[in-house]
């Protein structure tokens, strides 16, 4: 169910790989909406990488036992298995928060996890220490601080070339904003940011 008559599918889009980082950052900084905007952006980017049939994103602030993370990707060969789990945080976190998420992933059988931290003022985390901790538990763990690395990684691993993947991300993020019930203001801002 779309709230506005316009959508990126019906609007000329000029957001390429280089611009996508900035438009996502602007969308999220303008108003967190309790994490809705950041989660929609991450889910939309994962839709581009893995396809919408494999990506699931729970409700905001729902401490669900059903999902290991905010955005999860099912296995391409067995839909009952979570292949990857991503926690999305637009507030500052500690290494302890990352470990708690990693343990939840392991408890739910997920061996590949990522944390996307996009809060302004996030202090650097000790990647080496977290990496050793995760490795000793058999967990693949990646921490992305800020949007740049995450967006560029997603576009690189997408099946489409980067320019096409960026254009598809615009549409997928729009759909995810609607799905997480982001405000009409957020959806309008997204359409303005990505339009020529």
N, C-alpha and C. Protein backbone atom coordinates (compact mmCIF):
# COMPACT_ATOMS: atom_id res chain seq x y z
N UNK A 1 0.85 -1.17 0.00
CA UNK A 1 0.00 0.00 0.00
C UNK A 1 0.89 1.23 0.00
N UNK A 2 0.81 2.03 -1.04
CA UNK A 2 1.63 3.23 -1.12
C UNK A 2 0.83 4.43 -0.64
N UNK A 3 1.52 5.34 0.02
CA UNK A 3 0.83 6.50 0.59
C UNK A 3 0.77 7.66 -0.38
N UNK A 4 1.70 7.73 -1.29
CA UNK A 4 1.76 8.86 -2.20
C UNK A 4 1.56 8.38 -3.61
N UNK A 5 1.06 9.26 -4.46
CA UNK A 5 0.79 8.87 -5.83
C UNK A 5 2.04 8.65 -6.65
N UNK A 6 3.14 9.25 -6.25
CA UNK A 6 4.35 9.16 -7.03
C UNK A 6 5.26 8.07 -6.45
N UNK A 7 6.05 7.48 -7.29
CA UNK A 7 7.04 6.52 -6.83
C UNK A 7 8.23 6.57 -7.78
N UNK A 8 9.39 6.07 -7.35
CA UNK A 8 10.54 6.10 -8.23
C UNK A 8 10.33 5.33 -9.52
N UNK A 9 9.42 4.34 -9.53
CA UNK A 9 9.17 3.61 -10.78
C UNK A 9 8.57 4.53 -11.84
N UNK A 10 7.84 5.55 -11.39
CA UNK A 10 7.15 6.45 -12.32
C UNK A 10 7.85 7.79 -12.47
N UNK A 11 9.01 7.93 -11.83
CA UNK A 11 9.73 9.19 -11.84
C UNK A 11 11.12 8.96 -12.39
N UNK A 12 11.61 9.89 -13.20
CA UNK A 12 12.99 9.79 -13.67
C UNK A 12 13.91 9.85 -12.47
N UNK A 13 14.87 8.92 -12.44
CA UNK A 13 15.78 8.85 -11.30
C UNK A 13 17.19 9.09 -11.79
N UNK A 14 17.91 9.96 -11.09
CA UNK A 14 19.29 10.24 -11.45
C UNK A 14 20.22 10.00 -10.28
N UNK A 15 19.96 9.02 -9.49
CA UNK A 15 20.81 8.73 -8.35
C UNK A 15 21.72 7.57 -8.71
N UNK A 16 22.98 7.89 -8.92
CA UNK A 16 23.96 6.87 -9.25
C UNK A 16 24.68 6.37 -8.01
N UNK A 17 25.66 5.50 -8.20
CA UNK A 17 26.38 4.93 -7.07
C UNK A 17 27.01 5.98 -6.14
N UNK A 18 27.56 7.03 -6.70
CA UNK A 18 28.22 8.04 -5.88
C UNK A 18 27.22 8.87 -5.08
N UNK A 19 26.07 9.16 -5.68
CA UNK A 19 25.06 9.97 -5.00
C UNK A 19 24.27 9.18 -3.96
N UNK A 20 24.18 7.87 -4.13
CA UNK A 20 23.31 7.07 -3.28
C UNK A 20 23.70 7.16 -1.80
N UNK A 21 24.99 7.17 -1.51
CA UNK A 21 25.43 7.29 -0.11
C UNK A 21 24.87 8.57 0.50
N UNK A 22 25.01 9.66 -0.22
CA UNK A 22 24.59 10.95 0.33
C UNK A 22 23.08 11.06 0.48
N UNK A 23 22.31 10.52 -0.47
CA UNK A 23 20.85 10.63 -0.33
C UNK A 23 20.34 9.75 0.81
N UNK A 24 20.96 8.59 1.01
CA UNK A 24 20.57 7.74 2.14
C UNK A 24 20.92 8.43 3.45
N UNK A 25 22.13 8.98 3.52
CA UNK A 25 22.56 9.68 4.74
C UNK A 25 21.61 10.84 5.05
N UNK A 26 21.26 11.61 4.04
CA UNK A 26 20.36 12.76 4.24
C UNK A 26 18.99 12.30 4.72
N UNK A 27 18.47 11.24 4.14
CA UNK A 27 17.17 10.70 4.55
C UNK A 27 17.16 10.35 6.03
N UNK A 28 18.21 9.68 6.50
CA UNK A 28 18.24 9.18 7.87
C UNK A 28 18.56 10.29 8.87
N UNK A 29 19.47 11.18 8.52
CA UNK A 29 19.84 12.26 9.44
C UNK A 29 18.66 13.20 9.68
N UNK A 30 17.84 13.42 8.64
CA UNK A 30 16.75 14.39 8.75
C UNK A 30 15.78 14.04 9.89
N UNK A 31 15.52 12.75 10.07
CA UNK A 31 14.65 12.30 11.16
C UNK A 31 14.75 10.78 11.25
N UNK A 32 15.11 10.30 12.42
CA UNK A 32 15.31 8.87 12.60
C UNK A 32 14.02 8.06 12.45
N UNK A 33 12.92 8.61 12.96
CA UNK A 33 11.65 7.88 13.03
C UNK A 33 11.84 6.54 13.73
N UNK A 34 12.52 6.58 14.86
CA UNK A 34 12.77 5.39 15.68
C UNK A 34 13.48 4.28 14.90
N UNK A 35 14.31 4.66 13.97
CA UNK A 35 15.08 3.67 13.21
C UNK A 35 14.43 3.20 11.93
N UNK A 36 13.21 3.65 11.65
CA UNK A 36 12.51 3.19 10.45
C UNK A 36 13.29 3.49 9.16
N UNK A 37 13.77 4.71 9.07
CA UNK A 37 14.44 5.12 7.82
C UNK A 37 15.72 4.33 7.58
N UNK A 38 16.52 4.14 8.61
CA UNK A 38 17.77 3.39 8.46
C UNK A 38 17.48 1.93 8.10
N UNK A 39 16.51 1.34 8.78
CA UNK A 39 16.17 -0.06 8.50
C UNK A 39 15.65 -0.23 7.09
N UNK A 40 14.83 0.71 6.63
CA UNK A 40 14.31 0.65 5.25
C UNK A 40 15.44 0.73 4.23
N UNK A 41 16.42 1.59 4.51
CA UNK A 41 17.55 1.73 3.59
C UNK A 41 18.36 0.45 3.51
N UNK A 42 18.65 -0.15 4.66
CA UNK A 42 19.44 -1.39 4.67
C UNK A 42 18.66 -2.52 3.99
N UNK A 43 17.38 -2.64 4.31
CA UNK A 43 16.56 -3.70 3.69
C UNK A 43 16.47 -3.50 2.18
N UNK A 44 16.28 -2.26 1.74
CA UNK A 44 16.21 -1.99 0.31
C UNK A 44 17.49 -2.35 -0.41
N UNK A 45 18.62 -2.05 0.20
CA UNK A 45 19.90 -2.41 -0.40
C UNK A 45 20.08 -3.93 -0.45
N UNK A 46 19.63 -4.62 0.59
CA UNK A 46 19.74 -6.09 0.57
C UNK A 46 18.77 -6.70 -0.44
N UNK A 47 17.63 -6.05 -0.68
CA UNK A 47 16.74 -6.50 -1.76
C UNK A 47 17.48 -6.52 -3.09
N UNK A 48 18.31 -5.51 -3.31
CA UNK A 48 19.08 -5.42 -4.55
C UNK A 48 20.11 -6.55 -4.62
N UNK A 49 20.73 -6.87 -3.50
CA UNK A 49 21.78 -7.90 -3.47
C UNK A 49 21.20 -9.30 -3.58
N UNK A 50 20.18 -9.59 -2.77
CA UNK A 50 19.71 -10.98 -2.65
C UNK A 50 18.35 -11.24 -3.27
N UNK A 51 17.60 -10.20 -3.60
CA UNK A 51 16.26 -10.39 -4.14
C UNK A 51 15.21 -10.29 -3.05
N UNK A 52 14.08 -9.73 -3.37
CA UNK A 52 13.04 -9.48 -2.37
C UNK A 52 12.48 -10.75 -1.75
N UNK A 53 12.54 -11.86 -2.46
CA UNK A 53 11.98 -13.10 -1.91
C UNK A 53 12.83 -13.67 -0.77
N UNK A 54 14.09 -13.25 -0.68
CA UNK A 54 14.98 -13.78 0.35
C UNK A 54 15.18 -12.84 1.53
N UNK A 55 14.80 -11.57 1.39
CA UNK A 55 15.07 -10.58 2.43
C UNK A 55 13.83 -10.35 3.27
N UNK A 56 14.01 -10.42 4.58
CA UNK A 56 12.92 -10.14 5.51
C UNK A 56 13.37 -9.10 6.51
N UNK A 57 12.44 -8.24 6.85
CA UNK A 57 12.73 -7.16 7.79
C UNK A 57 11.57 -7.06 8.76
N UNK A 58 11.87 -7.23 10.04
CA UNK A 58 10.82 -7.22 11.05
C UNK A 58 10.31 -5.82 11.33
N UNK A 59 9.34 -5.73 12.22
CA UNK A 59 8.79 -4.44 12.61
C UNK A 59 9.79 -3.70 13.49
N UNK A 60 9.73 -2.40 13.44
CA UNK A 60 10.63 -1.57 14.24
C UNK A 60 10.39 -1.79 15.73
N UNK A 61 11.49 -1.91 16.47
CA UNK A 61 11.46 -2.08 17.93
C UNK A 61 10.65 -3.30 18.38
N UNK A 62 10.60 -4.31 17.53
CA UNK A 62 9.90 -5.54 17.89
C UNK A 62 10.94 -6.55 18.34
N UNK A 63 11.00 -6.87 19.63
CA UNK A 63 11.99 -7.83 20.11
C UNK A 63 11.58 -9.25 19.74
N UNK A 64 11.47 -9.48 18.43
CA UNK A 64 10.93 -10.73 17.93
C UNK A 64 11.91 -11.88 18.10
N UNK A 65 11.37 -13.02 18.43
CA UNK A 65 12.18 -14.24 18.47
C UNK A 65 12.21 -14.90 17.10
N UNK A 66 11.46 -14.34 16.17
CA UNK A 66 11.35 -14.91 14.82
C UNK A 66 12.55 -14.55 13.95
N UNK A 67 13.09 -13.35 14.16
CA UNK A 67 14.19 -12.87 13.32
C UNK A 67 15.45 -12.67 14.15
N UNK A 68 16.60 -13.09 13.62
CA UNK A 68 17.84 -12.87 14.36
C UNK A 68 18.33 -11.42 14.31
N UNK A 69 17.90 -10.65 13.33
CA UNK A 69 18.33 -9.26 13.20
C UNK A 69 17.23 -8.40 12.61
N UNK A 70 17.54 -7.12 12.44
CA UNK A 70 16.57 -6.20 11.86
C UNK A 70 16.28 -6.52 10.40
N UNK A 71 17.31 -6.94 9.68
CA UNK A 71 17.19 -7.32 8.27
C UNK A 71 17.87 -8.68 8.14
N UNK A 72 17.16 -9.65 7.59
CA UNK A 72 17.70 -11.01 7.49
C UNK A 72 17.58 -11.53 6.07
N UNK A 73 18.52 -12.37 5.69
CA UNK A 73 18.52 -12.95 4.35
C UNK A 73 18.45 -14.46 4.48
N UNK A 74 17.46 -15.05 3.81
CA UNK A 74 17.29 -16.50 3.79
C UNK A 74 18.25 -17.14 2.79
N UNK A 75 18.58 -18.38 3.04
CA UNK A 75 19.43 -19.14 2.12
C UNK A 75 18.75 -19.26 0.76
N UNK A 76 19.55 -19.21 -0.29
CA UNK A 76 19.01 -19.35 -1.65
C UNK A 76 18.55 -20.78 -1.92
N UNK A 77 19.08 -21.74 -1.16
CA UNK A 77 18.75 -23.15 -1.42
C UNK A 77 17.80 -23.75 -0.40
N UNK A 78 17.66 -23.11 0.76
CA UNK A 78 16.78 -23.63 1.80
C UNK A 78 16.16 -22.46 2.55
N UNK A 79 14.91 -22.15 2.25
CA UNK A 79 14.25 -20.96 2.79
C UNK A 79 14.03 -21.02 4.30
N UNK A 80 14.26 -22.18 4.91
CA UNK A 80 14.10 -22.27 6.37
C UNK A 80 15.36 -21.84 7.13
N UNK A 81 16.43 -21.57 6.37
CA UNK A 81 17.71 -21.23 6.99
C UNK A 81 18.01 -19.75 6.76
N UNK A 82 18.39 -19.08 7.85
CA UNK A 82 18.87 -17.70 7.73
C UNK A 82 20.33 -17.74 7.32
N UNK A 83 20.65 -17.09 6.22
CA UNK A 83 22.03 -17.05 5.73
C UNK A 83 22.82 -15.92 6.38
N UNK A 84 22.17 -14.76 6.50
CA UNK A 84 22.81 -13.58 7.07
C UNK A 84 21.81 -12.82 7.92
N UNK A 85 22.32 -12.13 8.94
CA UNK A 85 21.48 -11.26 9.77
C UNK A 85 22.20 -9.93 9.95
N UNK A 86 21.44 -8.86 9.86
CA UNK A 86 22.00 -7.52 9.97
C UNK A 86 21.24 -6.74 11.04
N UNK A 87 21.98 -6.18 11.95
CA UNK A 87 21.40 -5.29 12.97
C UNK A 87 21.66 -3.86 12.50
N UNK A 88 20.63 -3.02 12.54
CA UNK A 88 20.74 -1.65 12.07
C UNK A 88 20.58 -0.73 13.27
N UNK A 89 21.56 0.12 13.51
CA UNK A 89 21.50 1.02 14.66
C UNK A 89 21.76 2.45 14.22
N UNK A 90 20.82 3.34 14.52
CA UNK A 90 21.07 4.76 14.26
C UNK A 90 21.27 5.51 15.57
N UNK A 91 21.72 4.75 16.59
CA UNK A 91 22.20 5.35 17.84
C UNK A 91 23.53 4.69 18.17
N UNK A 92 24.33 5.35 18.96
CA UNK A 92 25.66 4.82 19.24
C UNK A 92 25.57 3.50 20.01
N UNK A 93 26.55 2.64 19.75
CA UNK A 93 26.58 1.32 20.39
C UNK A 93 27.97 1.04 20.92
N UNK A 94 28.06 -0.01 21.72
CA UNK A 94 29.34 -0.45 22.28
C UNK A 94 29.69 -1.83 21.73
N UNK A 95 30.90 -2.27 22.00
CA UNK A 95 31.32 -3.62 21.60
C UNK A 95 30.43 -4.66 22.27
N UNK A 96 29.96 -4.38 23.48
CA UNK A 96 29.07 -5.31 24.18
C UNK A 96 27.77 -5.49 23.40
N UNK A 97 27.24 -4.41 22.85
CA UNK A 97 26.01 -4.50 22.04
C UNK A 97 26.24 -5.41 20.83
N UNK A 98 27.40 -5.27 20.22
CA UNK A 98 27.73 -6.11 19.05
C UNK A 98 27.80 -7.58 19.47
N UNK A 99 28.44 -7.85 20.60
CA UNK A 99 28.55 -9.24 21.08
C UNK A 99 27.19 -9.83 21.41
N UNK A 100 26.32 -9.05 22.01
CA UNK A 100 24.96 -9.55 22.33
C UNK A 100 24.24 -9.95 21.04
N UNK A 101 24.35 -9.11 20.02
CA UNK A 101 23.73 -9.43 18.73
C UNK A 101 24.37 -10.69 18.14
N UNK A 102 25.69 -10.79 18.20
CA UNK A 102 26.37 -11.97 17.68
C UNK A 102 25.92 -13.24 18.36
N UNK A 103 25.74 -13.20 19.67
CA UNK A 103 25.27 -14.38 20.41
C UNK A 103 23.85 -14.75 20.01
N UNK A 104 23.00 -13.75 19.78
CA UNK A 104 21.63 -14.03 19.33
C UNK A 104 21.66 -14.73 17.97
N UNK A 105 22.53 -14.25 17.09
CA UNK A 105 22.65 -14.88 15.77
C UNK A 105 23.07 -16.34 15.90
N UNK A 106 24.08 -16.59 16.71
CA UNK A 106 24.55 -17.96 16.89
C UNK A 106 23.45 -18.85 17.47
N UNK A 107 22.70 -18.31 18.43
CA UNK A 107 21.61 -19.08 19.04
C UNK A 107 20.54 -19.45 18.04
N UNK A 108 20.41 -18.63 16.97
CA UNK A 108 19.39 -18.90 15.95
C UNK A 108 20.00 -19.55 14.71
N UNK A 109 21.25 -20.02 14.83
CA UNK A 109 21.88 -20.75 13.73
C UNK A 109 22.45 -19.90 12.61
N UNK A 110 22.60 -18.61 12.85
CA UNK A 110 23.15 -17.72 11.82
C UNK A 110 24.65 -17.60 12.02
N UNK A 111 25.41 -17.84 10.97
CA UNK A 111 26.86 -17.83 11.07
C UNK A 111 27.50 -16.61 10.40
N UNK A 112 26.70 -15.76 9.80
CA UNK A 112 27.22 -14.56 9.14
C UNK A 112 26.38 -13.37 9.56
N UNK A 113 26.99 -12.43 10.28
CA UNK A 113 26.25 -11.31 10.84
C UNK A 113 26.96 -10.00 10.55
N UNK A 114 26.17 -8.95 10.50
CA UNK A 114 26.73 -7.61 10.31
C UNK A 114 25.95 -6.63 11.18
N UNK A 115 26.65 -5.59 11.60
CA UNK A 115 26.02 -4.49 12.31
C UNK A 115 26.28 -3.24 11.48
N UNK A 116 25.22 -2.50 11.17
CA UNK A 116 25.35 -1.25 10.44
C UNK A 116 25.02 -0.14 11.43
N UNK A 117 26.05 0.63 11.80
CA UNK A 117 25.89 1.69 12.79
C UNK A 117 26.01 3.03 12.07
N UNK A 118 24.92 3.79 12.05
CA UNK A 118 24.92 5.03 11.27
C UNK A 118 24.72 6.28 12.13
N UNK A 119 24.86 6.14 13.44
CA UNK A 119 24.68 7.28 14.34
C UNK A 119 25.83 8.26 14.18
N UNK A 120 25.48 9.54 14.14
CA UNK A 120 26.51 10.57 14.18
C UNK A 120 27.21 10.47 15.54
N UNK A 121 28.51 10.57 15.56
CA UNK A 121 29.23 10.53 16.82
C UNK A 121 29.57 9.14 17.32
N UNK A 122 29.34 8.11 16.49
CA UNK A 122 29.72 6.76 16.90
C UNK A 122 31.24 6.67 17.03
N UNK A 123 31.69 6.23 18.18
CA UNK A 123 33.12 6.04 18.38
C UNK A 123 33.57 4.77 17.68
N UNK A 124 34.82 4.75 17.21
CA UNK A 124 35.31 3.53 16.56
C UNK A 124 35.26 2.35 17.52
N UNK A 125 34.92 1.19 16.98
CA UNK A 125 34.92 -0.05 17.76
C UNK A 125 36.21 -0.80 17.44
N UNK A 126 36.64 -1.63 18.33
CA UNK A 126 37.87 -2.40 18.13
C UNK A 126 37.56 -3.59 17.22
N UNK A 127 37.72 -3.36 15.91
CA UNK A 127 37.39 -4.40 14.92
C UNK A 127 38.22 -5.66 15.12
N UNK A 128 39.49 -5.48 15.45
CA UNK A 128 40.36 -6.65 15.62
C UNK A 128 39.88 -7.50 16.80
N UNK A 129 39.58 -6.87 17.91
CA UNK A 129 39.13 -7.62 19.10
C UNK A 129 37.79 -8.30 18.82
N UNK A 130 36.87 -7.59 18.19
CA UNK A 130 35.57 -8.19 17.85
C UNK A 130 35.74 -9.32 16.84
N UNK A 131 36.68 -9.15 15.93
CA UNK A 131 36.94 -10.19 14.93
C UNK A 131 37.46 -11.47 15.56
N UNK A 132 38.37 -11.34 16.50
CA UNK A 132 38.90 -12.52 17.20
C UNK A 132 37.79 -13.19 18.01
N UNK A 133 36.99 -12.39 18.72
CA UNK A 133 35.88 -12.92 19.50
C UNK A 133 34.94 -13.73 18.60
N UNK A 134 34.55 -13.13 17.47
CA UNK A 134 33.61 -13.80 16.56
C UNK A 134 34.23 -15.06 15.96
N UNK A 135 35.48 -14.96 15.53
CA UNK A 135 36.16 -16.10 14.92
C UNK A 135 36.21 -17.29 15.88
N UNK A 136 36.51 -17.02 17.15
CA UNK A 136 36.58 -18.10 18.13
C UNK A 136 35.24 -18.80 18.34
N UNK A 137 34.15 -18.14 17.98
CA UNK A 137 32.81 -18.73 18.10
C UNK A 137 32.30 -19.29 16.77
N UNK A 138 33.09 -19.15 15.72
CA UNK A 138 32.66 -19.62 14.41
C UNK A 138 31.66 -18.69 13.73
N UNK A 139 31.72 -17.41 14.08
CA UNK A 139 30.80 -16.41 13.53
C UNK A 139 31.55 -15.46 12.61
N UNK A 140 31.02 -15.26 11.41
CA UNK A 140 31.53 -14.20 10.54
C UNK A 140 30.86 -12.90 10.95
N UNK A 141 31.64 -11.90 11.29
CA UNK A 141 31.08 -10.64 11.80
C UNK A 141 31.71 -9.46 11.09
N UNK A 142 30.86 -8.58 10.60
CA UNK A 142 31.32 -7.35 9.96
C UNK A 142 30.59 -6.18 10.61
N UNK A 143 31.35 -5.13 10.95
CA UNK A 143 30.75 -3.92 11.51
C UNK A 143 30.98 -2.79 10.53
N UNK A 144 29.89 -2.18 10.06
CA UNK A 144 29.96 -1.02 9.18
C UNK A 144 29.63 0.21 10.00
N UNK A 145 30.53 1.18 10.05
CA UNK A 145 30.27 2.43 10.74
C UNK A 145 30.06 3.50 9.67
N UNK A 146 28.85 4.04 9.60
CA UNK A 146 28.51 5.00 8.55
C UNK A 146 27.95 4.29 7.33
N UNK A 147 27.43 5.08 6.42
CA UNK A 147 26.76 4.52 5.24
C UNK A 147 27.69 4.16 4.09
N UNK A 148 28.81 4.85 3.97
CA UNK A 148 29.62 4.72 2.76
C UNK A 148 30.05 3.29 2.45
N UNK A 149 30.70 2.65 3.40
CA UNK A 149 31.20 1.29 3.13
C UNK A 149 30.06 0.32 2.87
N UNK A 150 28.98 0.43 3.64
CA UNK A 150 27.87 -0.50 3.47
C UNK A 150 27.22 -0.35 2.09
N UNK A 151 26.94 0.89 1.70
CA UNK A 151 26.29 1.12 0.39
C UNK A 151 27.19 0.63 -0.73
N UNK A 152 28.47 0.95 -0.68
CA UNK A 152 29.37 0.53 -1.76
C UNK A 152 29.54 -0.98 -1.82
N UNK A 153 29.60 -1.63 -0.66
CA UNK A 153 29.66 -3.10 -0.65
C UNK A 153 28.41 -3.71 -1.27
N UNK A 154 27.25 -3.19 -0.87
CA UNK A 154 25.99 -3.72 -1.40
C UNK A 154 25.95 -3.56 -2.92
N UNK A 155 26.32 -2.40 -3.42
CA UNK A 155 26.28 -2.19 -4.87
C UNK A 155 27.29 -3.08 -5.59
N UNK A 156 28.44 -3.32 -4.97
CA UNK A 156 29.44 -4.18 -5.60
C UNK A 156 28.95 -5.63 -5.70
N UNK A 157 28.28 -6.12 -4.64
CA UNK A 157 27.85 -7.52 -4.63
C UNK A 157 26.51 -7.74 -5.31
N UNK A 158 25.85 -6.69 -5.74
CA UNK A 158 24.58 -6.84 -6.46
C UNK A 158 24.84 -7.53 -7.79
N UNK A 159 23.87 -8.30 -8.28
CA UNK A 159 24.07 -8.98 -9.57
C UNK A 159 24.16 -8.02 -10.75
N UNK A 160 23.55 -6.85 -10.62
CA UNK A 160 23.57 -5.84 -11.69
C UNK A 160 24.83 -4.98 -11.58
N UNK A 161 25.25 -4.35 -12.68
CA UNK A 161 26.35 -3.37 -12.58
C UNK A 161 25.95 -2.23 -11.63
N UNK A 162 26.93 -1.58 -11.05
CA UNK A 162 26.66 -0.57 -10.03
C UNK A 162 25.63 0.48 -10.44
N UNK A 163 25.69 1.08 -11.63
CA UNK A 163 24.69 2.10 -11.97
C UNK A 163 23.26 1.54 -11.95
N UNK A 164 23.07 0.34 -12.48
CA UNK A 164 21.74 -0.28 -12.49
C UNK A 164 21.34 -0.67 -11.07
N UNK A 165 22.29 -1.15 -10.28
CA UNK A 165 21.99 -1.53 -8.90
C UNK A 165 21.58 -0.32 -8.08
N UNK A 166 22.24 0.82 -8.29
CA UNK A 166 21.89 2.05 -7.57
C UNK A 166 20.48 2.49 -7.94
N UNK A 167 20.14 2.43 -9.21
CA UNK A 167 18.79 2.81 -9.63
C UNK A 167 17.75 1.87 -9.02
N UNK A 168 18.04 0.58 -8.99
CA UNK A 168 17.12 -0.38 -8.37
C UNK A 168 17.01 -0.13 -6.87
N UNK A 169 18.11 0.23 -6.22
CA UNK A 169 18.09 0.52 -4.79
C UNK A 169 17.14 1.66 -4.46
N UNK A 170 17.07 2.65 -5.33
CA UNK A 170 16.15 3.78 -5.12
C UNK A 170 14.72 3.26 -5.00
N UNK A 171 14.33 2.37 -5.91
CA UNK A 171 12.99 1.81 -5.89
C UNK A 171 12.77 0.91 -4.67
N UNK A 172 13.77 0.06 -4.37
CA UNK A 172 13.61 -0.87 -3.26
C UNK A 172 13.55 -0.15 -1.91
N UNK A 173 14.35 0.89 -1.75
CA UNK A 173 14.30 1.66 -0.50
C UNK A 173 12.95 2.35 -0.36
N UNK A 174 12.43 2.87 -1.46
CA UNK A 174 11.09 3.47 -1.42
C UNK A 174 10.05 2.46 -0.95
N UNK A 175 10.09 1.26 -1.50
CA UNK A 175 9.14 0.21 -1.10
C UNK A 175 9.28 -0.14 0.37
N UNK A 176 10.53 -0.21 0.84
CA UNK A 176 10.76 -0.55 2.25
C UNK A 176 10.31 0.58 3.17
N UNK A 177 10.45 1.82 2.75
CA UNK A 177 9.94 2.93 3.56
C UNK A 177 8.43 2.80 3.75
N UNK A 178 7.74 2.44 2.69
CA UNK A 178 6.29 2.23 2.79
C UNK A 178 6.00 1.05 3.71
N UNK A 179 6.76 -0.04 3.56
CA UNK A 179 6.51 -1.26 4.34
C UNK A 179 6.72 -1.05 5.84
N UNK A 180 7.72 -0.22 6.23
CA UNK A 180 7.96 0.00 7.66
C UNK A 180 7.07 1.12 8.22
N UNK A 181 6.18 1.60 7.38
CA UNK A 181 5.25 2.67 7.76
C UNK A 181 5.99 3.94 8.16
N UNK A 182 7.00 4.29 7.35
CA UNK A 182 7.66 5.58 7.52
C UNK A 182 6.63 6.67 7.23
N UNK A 183 6.88 7.84 7.74
CA UNK A 183 5.93 8.95 7.60
C UNK A 183 5.83 9.39 6.14
N UNK A 184 4.69 9.98 5.77
CA UNK A 184 4.59 10.58 4.43
C UNK A 184 5.72 11.58 4.18
N UNK A 185 6.14 12.29 5.23
CA UNK A 185 7.24 13.25 5.10
C UNK A 185 8.52 12.53 4.65
N UNK A 186 8.80 11.35 5.21
CA UNK A 186 9.99 10.59 4.84
C UNK A 186 9.92 10.14 3.38
N UNK A 187 8.77 9.66 2.99
CA UNK A 187 8.61 9.17 1.62
C UNK A 187 8.72 10.32 0.63
N UNK A 188 8.13 11.45 0.96
CA UNK A 188 8.22 12.63 0.11
C UNK A 188 9.67 13.11 0.00
N UNK A 189 10.39 13.10 1.14
CA UNK A 189 11.80 13.50 1.11
C UNK A 189 12.60 12.57 0.21
N UNK A 190 12.37 11.27 0.33
CA UNK A 190 13.10 10.30 -0.50
C UNK A 190 12.87 10.57 -1.97
N UNK A 191 11.62 10.79 -2.34
CA UNK A 191 11.31 11.06 -3.75
C UNK A 191 11.99 12.34 -4.23
N UNK A 192 12.03 13.35 -3.39
CA UNK A 192 12.70 14.60 -3.77
C UNK A 192 14.21 14.41 -3.88
N UNK A 193 14.79 13.63 -2.97
CA UNK A 193 16.24 13.42 -2.99
C UNK A 193 16.71 12.67 -4.23
N UNK A 194 15.90 11.73 -4.70
CA UNK A 194 16.35 10.87 -5.80
C UNK A 194 15.87 11.35 -7.16
N UNK A 195 15.04 12.38 -7.21
CA UNK A 195 14.53 12.88 -8.48
C UNK A 195 15.51 13.90 -9.06
N UNK A 196 15.53 14.01 -10.38
CA UNK A 196 16.45 14.99 -11.01
C UNK A 196 16.10 16.41 -10.61
